[in-house]
Amino acid sequence: MRKFLCLLVMFITAGCTDQADLGNGYYYLSEDDALDIGLPDGAIIYKSRAKNEFDEIIIKATVKKAYSDDNYIIALQLPKNEKVSRYFIIDKFSGRIFGPLDKKSFNELKIKLGIEINFD
């Protein structure tokens, strides 16, 4: 019975995660998951050898959205107690981070770099 309960808890917690593998060692940790593990500032993007190791936090809280393609990650950050959104582009191979950017600069750079992913 105890083993069954442990397995049930593992399936429930594994199924509820919003954590996303963005590719090439980059991960998105949702706000809920960040709070669950003791990161009170909110959602982040981090780079690591494996999920949940947090070798290097790339974009601190609070990342509202993050999407990726084969080469880039785009991220939308709205830091707590601020009203201005910040945009980032991460080159997954060079590790270069463009940002924080305003929306206009972000869209111009996306075009220049040939990035076709968008926020919903």
C-alpha atoms as a PDB file:
ATOM      1  CA  MET A   1       0.000   0.000   0.000  1.00  0.00           C
ATOM      2  CA  ARG A   2       2.818   2.405   0.869  1.00  0.00           C
ATOM      3  CA  LYS A   3       4.520   1.772  -2.500  1.00  0.00           C
ATOM      4  CA  PHE A   4       1.247   2.434  -4.295  1.00  0.00           C
ATOM      5  CA  LEU A   5       0.821   5.752  -2.481  1.00  0.00           C
ATOM      6  CA  CYS A   6       4.381   6.808  -3.348  1.00  0.00           C
ATOM      7  CA  LEU A   7       3.818   5.968  -7.012  1.00  0.00           C
ATOM      8  CA  LEU A   8       0.528   7.854  -7.047  1.00  0.00           C
ATOM      9  CA  VAL A   9       2.160  10.981  -5.596  1.00  0.00           C
ATOM     10  CA  MET A  10       4.983  10.746  -8.147  1.00  0.00           C
ATOM     11  CA  PHE A  11       2.539  10.530 -11.063  1.00  0.00           C
ATOM     12  CA  ILE A  12       0.480  13.454  -9.795  1.00  0.00           C
ATOM     13  CA  THR A  13       3.463  15.741  -9.266  1.00  0.00           C
ATOM     14  CA  ALA A  14       5.096  14.746 -12.553  1.00  0.00           C
ATOM     15  CA  GLY A  15       1.901  15.379 -14.468  1.00  0.00           C
ATOM     16  CA  CYS A  16       1.307  18.837 -13.017  1.00  0.00           C
ATOM     17  CA  THR A  17       4.567  20.468 -14.011  1.00  0.00           C
ATOM     18  CA  ASP A  18       4.707  23.378 -16.451  1.00  0.00           C
ATOM     19  CA  GLN A  19       8.439  22.935 -16.863  1.00  0.00           C
ATOM     20  CA  ALA A  20       9.532  23.054 -20.469  1.00  0.00           C
ATOM     21  CA  ASP A  21      12.650  21.769 -22.154  1.00  0.00           C
ATOM     22  CA  LEU A  22      13.622  24.601 -24.496  1.00  0.00           C
ATOM     23  CA  GLY A  23      16.448  22.608 -26.047  1.00  0.00           C
ATOM     24  CA  ASN A  24      20.249  22.588 -25.912  1.00  0.00           C
ATOM     25  CA  GLY A  25      20.302  22.532 -22.101  1.00  0.00           C
ATOM     26  CA  TYR A  26      17.863  25.421 -21.583  1.00  0.00           C
ATOM     27  CA  TYR A  27      14.739  25.009 -19.451  1.00  0.00           C
ATOM     28  CA  TYR A  28      11.725  27.078 -18.405  1.00  0.00           C
ATOM     29  CA  LEU A  29      10.561  26.709 -14.816  1.00  0.00           C
ATOM     30  CA  SER A  30       6.984  27.957 -14.274  1.00  0.00           C
ATOM     31  CA  GLU A  31       6.001  30.240 -11.439  1.00  0.00           C
ATOM     32  CA  ASP A  32       4.136  27.468  -9.590  1.00  0.00           C
ATOM     33  CA  ASP A  33       7.057  25.067  -9.883  1.00  0.00           C
ATOM     34  CA  ALA A  34       9.491  27.783  -8.794  1.00  0.00           C
ATOM     35  CA  LEU A  35       7.448  28.405  -5.651  1.00  0.00           C
ATOM     36  CA  ASP A  36       7.192  24.658  -4.988  1.00  0.00           C
ATOM     37  CA  ILE A  37      10.968  24.288  -4.924  1.00  0.00           C
ATOM     38  CA  GLY A  38      11.649  27.454  -2.923  1.00  0.00           C
ATOM     39  CA  LEU A  39      12.348  30.112  -5.576  1.00  0.00           C
ATOM     40  CA  PRO A  40       9.968  32.823  -4.339  1.00  0.00           C
ATOM     41  CA  ASP A  41      10.609  35.339  -7.135  1.00  0.00           C
ATOM     42  CA  GLY A  42       8.796  33.341  -9.814  1.00  0.00           C
ATOM     43  CA  ALA A  43       9.334  31.743 -13.212  1.00  0.00           C
ATOM     44  CA  ILE A  44      12.836  31.575 -14.693  1.00  0.00           C
ATOM     45  CA  ILE A  45      14.817  30.324 -17.671  1.00  0.00           C
ATOM     46  CA  TYR A  46      17.915  28.390 -16.718  1.00  0.00           C
ATOM     47  CA  LYS A  47      20.689  26.397 -18.345  1.00  0.00           C
ATOM     48  CA  SER A  48      21.758  23.088 -16.902  1.00  0.00           C
ATOM     49  CA  ARG A  49      23.080  19.620 -17.602  1.00  0.00           C
ATOM     50  CA  ALA A  50      19.689  18.272 -16.481  1.00  0.00           C
ATOM     51  CA  LYS A  51      16.261  19.462 -15.380  1.00  0.00           C
ATOM     52  CA  ASN A  52      16.059  20.829 -11.841  1.00  0.00           C
ATOM     53  CA  GLU A  53      19.819  21.321 -11.407  1.00  0.00           C
ATOM     54  CA  PHE A  54      19.824  25.128 -11.988  1.00  0.00           C
ATOM     55  CA  ASP A  55      23.484  25.397 -13.024  1.00  0.00           C
ATOM     56  CA  GLU A  56      22.957  28.903 -14.396  1.00  0.00           C
ATOM     57  CA  ILE A  57      19.878  31.118 -14.212  1.00  0.00           C
ATOM     58  CA  ILE A  58      19.700  32.954 -17.525  1.00  0.00           C
ATOM     59  CA  ILE A  59      16.578  35.109 -17.061  1.00  0.00           C
ATOM     60  CA  LYS A  60      15.317  35.771 -13.570  1.00  0.00           C
ATOM     61  CA  ALA A  61      11.777  36.188 -12.443  1.00  0.00           C
ATOM     62  CA  THR A  62       9.174  36.575 -13.625  1.00  0.00           C
ATOM     63  CA  VAL A  63       9.225  34.995 -17.077  1.00  0.00           C
ATOM     64  CA  LYS A  64       5.650  34.925 -18.337  1.00  0.00           C
ATOM     65  CA  LYS A  65       6.240  33.096 -21.642  1.00  0.00           C
ATOM     66  CA  ALA A  66       9.090  31.272 -23.323  1.00  0.00           C
ATOM     67  CA  TYR A  67       9.172  29.540 -26.701  1.00  0.00           C
ATOM     68  CA  SER A  68      11.945  28.055 -28.762  1.00  0.00           C
ATOM     69  CA  ASP A  69      12.884  26.769 -32.179  1.00  0.00           C
ATOM     70  CA  ASP A  70      16.018  24.944 -33.277  1.00  0.00           C
ATOM     71  CA  ASN A  71      18.268  27.994 -32.795  1.00  0.00           C
ATOM     72  CA  TYR A  72      16.639  30.553 -30.520  1.00  0.00           C
ATOM     73  CA  ILE A  73      14.552  31.082 -27.407  1.00  0.00           C
ATOM     74  CA  ILE A  74      12.243  34.060 -27.089  1.00  0.00           C
ATOM     75  CA  ALA A  75      11.103  35.113 -23.632  1.00  0.00           C
ATOM     76  CA  LEU A  76       8.689  37.639 -22.185  1.00  0.00           C
ATOM     77  CA  GLN A  77       9.510  38.860 -18.692  1.00  0.00           C
ATOM     78  CA  LEU A  78       7.355  40.985 -16.424  1.00  0.00           C
ATOM     79  CA  PRO A  79       9.351  41.590 -13.250  1.00  0.00           C
ATOM     80  CA  LYS A  80       7.319  41.830 -10.072  1.00  0.00           C
ATOM     81  CA  ASN A  81       6.270  45.347  -9.083  1.00  0.00           C
ATOM     82  CA  GLU A  82       6.938  46.635 -12.616  1.00  0.00           C
ATOM     83  CA  LYS A  83       4.502  47.485 -15.382  1.00  0.00           C
ATOM     84  CA  VAL A  84       6.851  47.328 -18.364  1.00  0.00           C
ATOM     85  CA  SER A  85       7.381  44.043 -20.180  1.00  0.00           C
ATOM     86  CA  ARG A  86      10.889  43.027 -21.174  1.00  0.00           C
ATOM     87  CA  TYR A  87      11.730  40.816 -24.121  1.00  0.00           C
ATOM     88  CA  PHE A  88      14.728  38.546 -24.613  1.00  0.00           C
ATOM     89  CA  ILE A  89      16.224  36.465 -27.388  1.00  0.00           C
ATOM     90  CA  ILE A  90      18.707  33.736 -26.516  1.00  0.00           C
ATOM     91  CA  ASP A  91      20.942  32.123 -29.122  1.00  0.00           C
ATOM     92  CA  LYS A  92      20.935  28.498 -27.948  1.00  0.00           C
ATOM     93  CA  PHE A  93      24.305  27.684 -29.519  1.00  0.00           C
ATOM     94  CA  SER A  94      26.454  30.732 -28.772  1.00  0.00           C
ATOM     95  CA  GLY A  95      24.716  31.478 -25.461  1.00  0.00           C
ATOM     96  CA  ARG A  96      24.385  35.124 -26.469  1.00  0.00           C
ATOM     97  CA  ILE A  97      21.496  36.922 -24.786  1.00  0.00           C
ATOM     98  CA  PHE A  98      19.830  39.882 -26.467  1.00  0.00           C
ATOM     99  CA  GLY A  99      17.912  41.935 -23.946  1.00  0.00           C
ATOM    100  CA  PRO A 100      16.193  43.214 -22.082  1.00  0.00           C
ATOM    101  CA  LEU A 101      14.503  44.757 -25.101  1.00  0.00           C
ATOM    102  CA  ASP A 102      11.364  46.793 -25.593  1.00  0.00           C
ATOM    103  CA  LYS A 103       8.709  45.337 -27.896  1.00  0.00           C
ATOM    104  CA  LYS A 104       9.757  47.365 -30.944  1.00  0.00           C
ATOM    105  CA  SER A 105      13.450  46.463 -30.642  1.00  0.00           C
ATOM    106  CA  PHE A 106      12.530  42.832 -29.989  1.00  0.00           C
ATOM    107  CA  ASN A 107      10.412  42.595 -33.151  1.00  0.00           C
ATOM    108  CA  GLU A 108      13.111  44.321 -35.251  1.00  0.00           C
ATOM    109  CA  LEU A 109      15.787  41.926 -33.979  1.00  0.00           C
ATOM    110  CA  LYS A 110      13.543  38.914 -34.603  1.00  0.00           C
ATOM    111  CA  ILE A 111      13.230  39.959 -38.240  1.00  0.00           C
ATOM    112  CA  LYS A 112      16.972  40.596 -38.548  1.00  0.00           C
ATOM    113  CA  LEU A 113      17.796  37.164 -37.089  1.00  0.00           C
ATOM    114  CA  GLY A 114      15.089  35.404 -39.107  1.00  0.00           C
ATOM    115  CA  ILE A 115      13.207  34.151 -36.045  1.00  0.00           C
ATOM    116  CA  GLU A 116       9.697  33.000 -36.938  1.00  0.00           C
ATOM    117  CA  ILE A 117       8.403  31.961 -33.497  1.00  0.00           C
ATOM    118  CA  ASN A 118       5.911  34.259 -31.784  1.00  0.00           C
ATOM    119  CA  PHE A 119       4.097  34.664 -28.523  1.00  0.00           C
ATOM    120  CA  ASP A 120       0.494  33.398 -28.856  1.00  0.00           C
END
